[in-house]
């Protein structure tokens, strides 16, 4: 990834977005402007979260419109971002993580994400947890090739926004619009350095032998430090099916139950953003109900 290049790309995007969202005229009748189309956050998005005090985190993200709220999960090699988390108030997360929300008629959006970063120490698949607040703009998925992006700020342990900031920029991936079919996920997948360096997590997704069942498949696997996983992967159907899948996993003979999302992207290259995915990649992530444990990552076919 070419970090310097996408920063200049982000500045171009933000400048263009301000012009679009402020209703700048391109000529003709200036007394009447077309209304701004409402932002649609739903989709599969590929790009970076870049905190000023850390290396940029490349992730593949899924945002699903559940009808009354957006559900989001962004998956990287060493962390995941999740929203919303409401009413949990446990030791891991004593505060709500509010859902992403598009502001009607403006093209802007805002909301929270929980950042679950693997530390590679302590309980296996436990994470370091932070909460961030995002705000930005999202252009139409077919408009000028513009991406989804903006800025974010971290909260402190008292749920107060801090001066620790960063930027994020994502491009839409059309895999979201493909007809969902779990058979496209079938096969053996491998995640390198899962939770800690040197740990390899291998997963096998086995579709139903009945060829007409394209909705669900069985998933199983194990890592190189002795953990086992089994469960199911099913097309997410709320409210309209897209190429995103619900994941249910039992870790170590169902001692820990995890739920999450998955999707896949084909090889792609985008010169402007510096994004290059050389092989078909499965983005899969799931967390325990109390969010103590988070499993998954970016997998390639074995």
Protein backbone atom coordinates (compact mmCIF):
# COMPACT_ATOMS: atom_id res chain seq x y z
CA UNK A 1 0.00 0.00 0.00
CA UNK A 2 1.21 3.48 -0.84
CA UNK A 3 0.33 5.58 2.15
CA UNK A 4 1.49 8.99 0.81
CA UNK A 5 -0.57 8.66 -2.34
CA UNK A 6 -3.90 7.99 -0.72
CA UNK A 7 -3.49 10.99 1.58
CA UNK A 8 -3.43 13.29 -1.47
CA UNK A 9 -6.38 11.33 -2.83
CA UNK A 10 -8.28 11.94 0.43
CA UNK A 11 -7.72 15.70 0.16
CA UNK A 12 -9.09 15.67 -3.39
CA UNK A 13 -12.12 13.71 -2.21
CA UNK A 14 -12.87 15.99 0.71
CA UNK A 15 -12.56 19.10 -1.45
CA UNK A 16 -14.84 17.63 -4.10
CA UNK A 17 -17.31 16.42 -1.49
CA UNK A 18 -17.57 19.89 0.05
CA UNK A 19 -18.33 21.32 -3.40
CA UNK A 20 -20.92 18.66 -4.15
CA UNK A 21 -22.60 18.80 -0.76
CA UNK A 22 -22.67 22.58 -0.62
CA UNK A 23 -24.65 22.62 -3.86
CA UNK A 24 -22.10 24.41 -6.06
CA UNK A 25 -23.61 25.24 -9.42
CA UNK A 26 -22.02 24.08 -12.66
CA UNK A 27 -23.96 26.60 -14.69
CA UNK A 28 -27.52 27.19 -15.79
CA UNK A 29 -30.33 28.11 -13.41
CA UNK A 30 -28.73 29.15 -10.12
CA UNK A 31 -32.08 29.91 -8.53
CA UNK A 32 -32.90 26.25 -8.19
CA UNK A 33 -30.52 23.48 -7.18
CA UNK A 34 -31.25 19.77 -7.22
CA UNK A 35 -31.63 18.32 -3.73
CA UNK A 36 -28.67 16.39 -2.34
CA UNK A 37 -29.25 12.65 -2.53
CA UNK A 38 -29.35 10.95 0.86
CA UNK A 39 -26.18 9.10 1.79
CA UNK A 40 -26.31 5.34 1.51
CA UNK A 41 -23.67 3.78 3.74
CA UNK A 42 -24.58 0.16 2.95
CA UNK A 43 -21.96 -1.71 0.96
CA UNK A 44 -18.59 -3.41 0.92
CA UNK A 45 -15.83 -0.82 1.36
CA UNK A 46 -12.05 -1.15 1.01
CA UNK A 47 -9.51 1.30 2.43
CA UNK A 48 -7.78 2.61 5.55
CA UNK A 49 -8.23 3.95 9.03
CA UNK A 50 -5.18 6.10 9.72
CA UNK A 51 -4.67 7.34 13.27
CA UNK A 52 -2.07 10.08 13.61
CA UNK A 53 -0.24 8.11 16.31
CA UNK A 54 -0.19 4.69 14.61
CA UNK A 55 0.37 2.92 11.32
CA UNK A 56 -2.61 2.98 8.91
CA UNK A 57 -4.93 -0.01 9.27
CA UNK A 58 -6.07 -1.52 5.95
CA UNK A 59 -9.47 -3.18 6.22
CA UNK A 60 -12.33 -4.57 4.19
CA UNK A 61 -15.58 -3.26 5.62
CA UNK A 62 -19.20 -4.33 5.48
CA UNK A 63 -22.08 -2.00 6.30
CA UNK A 64 -25.54 -3.57 6.25
CA UNK A 65 -28.81 -1.65 6.32
CA UNK A 66 -30.94 -3.57 8.79
CA UNK A 67 -33.98 -1.40 8.04
CA UNK A 68 -33.81 0.85 11.08
CA UNK A 69 -30.06 0.87 11.80
CA UNK A 70 -26.73 0.26 10.05
CA UNK A 71 -24.63 -2.67 11.26
CA UNK A 72 -20.92 -2.34 10.46
CA UNK A 73 -17.83 -4.53 10.73
CA UNK A 74 -14.45 -3.61 9.23
CA UNK A 75 -11.85 -6.40 9.19
CA UNK A 76 -8.08 -6.07 8.99
CA UNK A 77 -5.06 -8.23 9.65
CA UNK A 78 -4.71 -7.20 13.30
CA UNK A 79 -7.94 -5.44 14.26
CA UNK A 80 -11.65 -5.10 13.63
CA UNK A 81 -14.08 -2.19 13.92
CA UNK A 82 -17.69 -2.85 14.97
CA UNK A 83 -20.91 -0.85 15.34
CA UNK A 84 -23.33 -0.63 17.06
CA UNK A 85 -22.86 -2.00 20.58
CA UNK A 86 -25.81 -0.94 22.72
CA UNK A 87 -26.86 -1.73 26.28
CA UNK A 88 -23.92 -4.01 27.05
CA UNK A 89 -22.28 -1.94 29.81
CA UNK A 90 -19.81 -4.68 30.71
CA UNK A 91 -16.18 -4.60 31.73
CA UNK A 92 -14.98 -4.48 28.15
CA UNK A 93 -17.39 -1.79 27.01
CA UNK A 94 -19.05 0.31 29.71
CA UNK A 95 -20.47 2.78 27.15
CA UNK A 96 -22.72 2.52 24.13
CA UNK A 97 -21.23 2.50 20.64
CA UNK A 98 -23.83 4.42 18.67
CA UNK A 99 -24.72 3.26 15.14
CA UNK A 100 -23.55 5.03 12.01
CA UNK A 101 -26.20 7.44 10.82
CA UNK A 102 -26.63 9.34 7.56
CA UNK A 103 -28.01 12.87 7.86
CA UNK A 104 -31.02 13.18 5.60
CA UNK A 105 -30.58 15.46 2.60
CA UNK A 106 -26.97 16.45 3.32
CA UNK A 107 -24.68 13.63 2.19
CA UNK A 108 -22.97 13.64 5.59
CA UNK A 109 -22.86 10.91 8.21
CA UNK A 110 -21.62 10.35 11.76
CA UNK A 111 -21.49 7.67 14.45
CA UNK A 112 -19.24 5.44 16.52
CA UNK A 113 -17.08 2.38 15.95
CA UNK A 114 -15.45 0.12 18.52
CA UNK A 115 -11.86 -0.72 17.60
CA UNK A 116 -10.78 -4.21 18.69
CA UNK A 117 -7.01 -4.56 18.19
CA UNK A 118 -5.14 -7.77 18.90
CA UNK A 119 -2.28 -7.46 21.36
CA UNK A 120 -0.92 -11.01 20.96
CA UNK A 121 -0.73 -11.47 24.73
CA UNK A 122 -3.04 -12.44 27.56
CA UNK A 123 -6.18 -14.44 26.80
CA UNK A 124 -6.13 -15.84 23.28
CA UNK A 125 -8.15 -13.67 20.87
CA UNK A 126 -8.70 -11.01 23.52
CA UNK A 127 -8.25 -7.45 22.29
CA UNK A 128 -7.35 -3.94 23.28
CA UNK A 129 -10.55 -1.89 22.96
CA UNK A 130 -10.97 1.74 21.92
CA UNK A 131 -14.01 3.77 20.88
CA UNK A 132 -13.90 6.26 18.02
CA UNK A 133 -16.29 8.86 16.65
CA UNK A 134 -16.50 9.25 12.86
CA UNK A 135 -17.86 12.04 10.73
CA UNK A 136 -17.58 12.57 7.03
CA UNK A 137 -19.27 12.43 3.66
CA UNK A 138 -20.23 9.70 1.26
CA UNK A 139 -20.91 10.39 -2.40
CA UNK A 140 -23.30 8.41 -4.54
CA UNK A 141 -21.73 5.06 -5.39
CA UNK A 142 -21.94 6.00 -9.06
CA UNK A 143 -20.98 9.68 -8.69
CA UNK A 144 -17.56 10.84 -9.92
CA UNK A 145 -15.94 7.70 -8.51
CA UNK A 146 -15.78 9.44 -5.14
CA UNK A 147 -15.16 7.39 -1.99
CA UNK A 148 -16.46 7.31 1.55
CA UNK A 149 -14.26 9.20 3.99
CA UNK A 150 -13.68 11.78 6.66
CA UNK A 151 -12.08 12.09 10.08
CA UNK A 152 -12.33 10.38 13.46
CA UNK A 153 -11.51 11.07 17.11
CA UNK A 154 -10.87 8.69 19.98
CA UNK A 155 -12.86 8.71 23.21
CA UNK A 156 -11.18 8.44 26.61
CA UNK A 157 -12.10 6.02 29.41
CA UNK A 158 -14.81 8.42 30.61
CA UNK A 159 -16.45 8.43 27.16
CA UNK A 160 -15.23 11.97 26.41
CA UNK A 161 -13.77 12.85 23.02
CA UNK A 162 -10.01 13.45 23.01
CA UNK A 163 -7.58 15.22 20.71
CA UNK A 164 -6.29 11.90 19.35
CA UNK A 165 -7.46 11.99 15.76
CA UNK A 166 -7.15 10.35 12.38
CA UNK A 167 -8.64 10.09 8.92
CA UNK A 168 -10.33 7.32 6.97
CA UNK A 169 -10.93 6.81 3.27
CA UNK A 170 -12.72 3.92 1.52
CA UNK A 171 -13.79 3.01 -1.99
CA UNK A 172 -16.91 1.06 -2.82
CA UNK A 173 -16.50 -2.51 -4.06
CA UNK A 174 -19.16 -3.88 -6.39
CA UNK A 175 -19.00 -7.36 -4.84
CA UNK A 176 -21.80 -6.01 -2.62
CA UNK A 177 -24.13 -5.97 -5.65
CA UNK A 178 -23.39 -9.53 -6.76
CA UNK A 179 -26.05 -12.16 -6.16
CA UNK A 180 -25.17 -13.82 -2.82
CA UNK A 181 -24.29 -17.50 -2.94
CA UNK A 182 -22.42 -19.33 -0.17
CA UNK A 183 -20.91 -21.63 -2.79
CA UNK A 184 -18.66 -18.73 -3.77
CA UNK A 185 -17.13 -18.99 -0.28
CA UNK A 186 -16.55 -22.72 -0.38
CA UNK A 187 -13.06 -24.12 0.07
CA UNK A 188 -10.06 -23.86 2.35
CA UNK A 189 -8.92 -20.45 3.65
CA UNK A 190 -5.92 -19.39 5.65
CA UNK A 191 -5.34 -16.35 7.89
CA UNK A 192 -1.70 -15.63 8.73
CA UNK A 193 -0.64 -14.12 12.06
CA UNK A 194 -4.12 -14.47 13.53
CA UNK A 195 -4.18 -12.76 16.94
CA UNK A 196 -0.40 -13.06 17.33
CA UNK A 197 2.59 -13.32 14.95
CA UNK A 198 3.19 -16.88 13.78
CA UNK A 199 -0.32 -18.15 14.53
CA UNK A 200 -2.02 -19.56 11.43
CA UNK A 201 -5.80 -19.97 11.40
CA UNK A 202 -7.19 -22.35 8.77
CA UNK A 203 -10.90 -22.42 7.97
CA UNK A 204 -12.88 -24.73 5.71
CA UNK A 205 -16.25 -23.63 4.36
CA UNK A 206 -18.34 -26.56 3.13
CA UNK A 207 -21.53 -25.79 1.19
CA UNK A 208 -24.51 -28.12 1.41
CA UNK A 209 -24.17 -31.11 -0.97
CA UNK A 210 -27.65 -30.22 -2.21
CA UNK A 211 -26.78 -27.90 -5.08
CA UNK A 212 -29.96 -25.85 -4.74
CA UNK A 213 -28.98 -24.68 -1.24
CA UNK A 214 -27.10 -21.44 -1.87
CA UNK A 215 -28.10 -19.89 1.45
CA UNK A 216 -25.96 -21.62 4.08
CA UNK A 217 -22.75 -23.57 4.61
CA UNK A 218 -20.80 -25.22 7.41
CA UNK A 219 -17.54 -23.67 8.62
CA UNK A 220 -14.84 -25.40 10.63
CA UNK A 221 -11.19 -24.87 11.41
CA UNK A 222 -8.29 -24.68 13.82
CA UNK A 223 -5.27 -22.52 14.51
CA UNK A 224 -1.68 -23.48 15.24
CA UNK A 225 -1.93 -22.71 18.97
CA UNK A 226 -4.63 -25.30 19.65
CA UNK A 227 -7.97 -23.50 19.25
CA UNK A 228 -10.78 -25.06 17.22
CA UNK A 229 -13.76 -23.47 15.52
CA UNK A 230 -17.05 -24.73 14.07
CA UNK A 231 -20.31 -23.18 13.00
CA UNK A 232 -22.27 -21.82 10.07
CA UNK A 233 -22.24 -19.05 7.50
CA UNK A 234 -25.56 -17.82 6.09
CA UNK A 235 -26.62 -15.09 3.66
CA UNK A 236 -27.56 -11.88 5.47
CA UNK A 237 -31.10 -11.15 4.30
CA UNK A 238 -32.05 -7.98 6.22
CA UNK A 239 -33.84 -6.31 4.59
CA UNK A 240 -32.54 -7.09 1.07
CA UNK A 241 -29.97 -9.85 0.39
CA UNK A 242 -26.53 -8.65 -0.71
CA UNK A 243 -23.15 -10.38 -0.96
CA UNK A 244 -22.66 -10.26 2.84
CA UNK A 245 -22.98 -13.23 5.18
CA UNK A 246 -23.82 -13.80 8.85
CA UNK A 247 -21.20 -15.82 10.71
CA UNK A 248 -21.84 -17.98 13.78
CA UNK A 249 -18.84 -19.74 15.33
CA UNK A 250 -18.28 -21.89 18.36
CA UNK A 251 -14.72 -21.69 19.71
CA UNK A 252 -13.23 -24.72 21.49
CA UNK A 253 -16.30 -26.96 21.36
CA UNK A 254 -18.73 -24.07 21.85
CA UNK A 255 -17.08 -22.89 25.05
CA UNK A 256 -17.20 -19.42 23.47
CA UNK A 257 -19.87 -18.39 20.95
CA UNK A 258 -19.04 -15.71 18.39
CA UNK A 259 -21.13 -13.88 15.78
CA UNK A 260 -20.16 -11.54 12.98
CA UNK A 261 -20.07 -10.91 9.25
CA UNK A 262 -18.16 -12.06 6.19
CA UNK A 263 -17.77 -11.17 2.52
CA UNK A 264 -15.24 -11.72 -0.24
CA UNK A 265 -13.59 -9.51 -2.84
CA UNK A 266 -11.90 -10.55 -6.04
CA UNK A 267 -8.46 -9.39 -7.09
CA UNK A 268 -8.44 -5.68 -7.82
CA UNK A 269 -6.12 -2.74 -8.34
CA UNK A 270 -6.92 0.96 -7.94
CA UNK A 271 -4.01 3.19 -8.93
CA UNK A 272 -5.42 6.40 -7.47
CA UNK A 273 -5.85 4.97 -3.96
CA UNK A 274 -2.90 2.58 -4.03
CA UNK A 275 -5.19 -0.34 -3.17
CA UNK A 276 -4.13 -3.65 -4.65
CA UNK A 277 -5.62 -7.03 -3.77
CA UNK A 278 -3.67 -9.71 -5.60
CA UNK A 279 -5.95 -12.68 -4.83
CA UNK A 280 -9.54 -13.45 -3.96
CA UNK A 281 -9.82 -12.50 -0.28
CA UNK A 282 -12.32 -13.54 2.37
CA UNK A 283 -12.97 -10.95 5.08
CA UNK A 284 -14.42 -12.76 8.07
CA UNK A 285 -14.82 -11.57 11.64
CA UNK A 286 -16.82 -12.53 14.71
CA UNK A 287 -16.92 -11.51 18.37
CA UNK A 288 -18.26 -13.03 21.56
CA UNK A 289 -21.44 -11.56 23.01
CA UNK A 290 -19.49 -9.67 25.67
CA UNK A 291 -16.87 -8.61 23.07
CA UNK A 292 -14.03 -10.06 25.13
CA UNK A 293 -12.94 -12.21 22.16
CA UNK A 294 -12.69 -11.31 18.47
CA UNK A 295 -11.68 -13.84 15.79
CA UNK A 296 -11.04 -13.57 12.07
CA UNK A 297 -9.04 -11.57 9.58
CA UNK A 298 -8.30 -11.35 5.87
CA UNK A 299 -8.03 -14.88 4.45
CA UNK A 300 -6.77 -16.16 1.14
CA UNK A 301 -7.49 -19.49 -0.52
CA UNK A 302 -5.09 -22.26 0.42
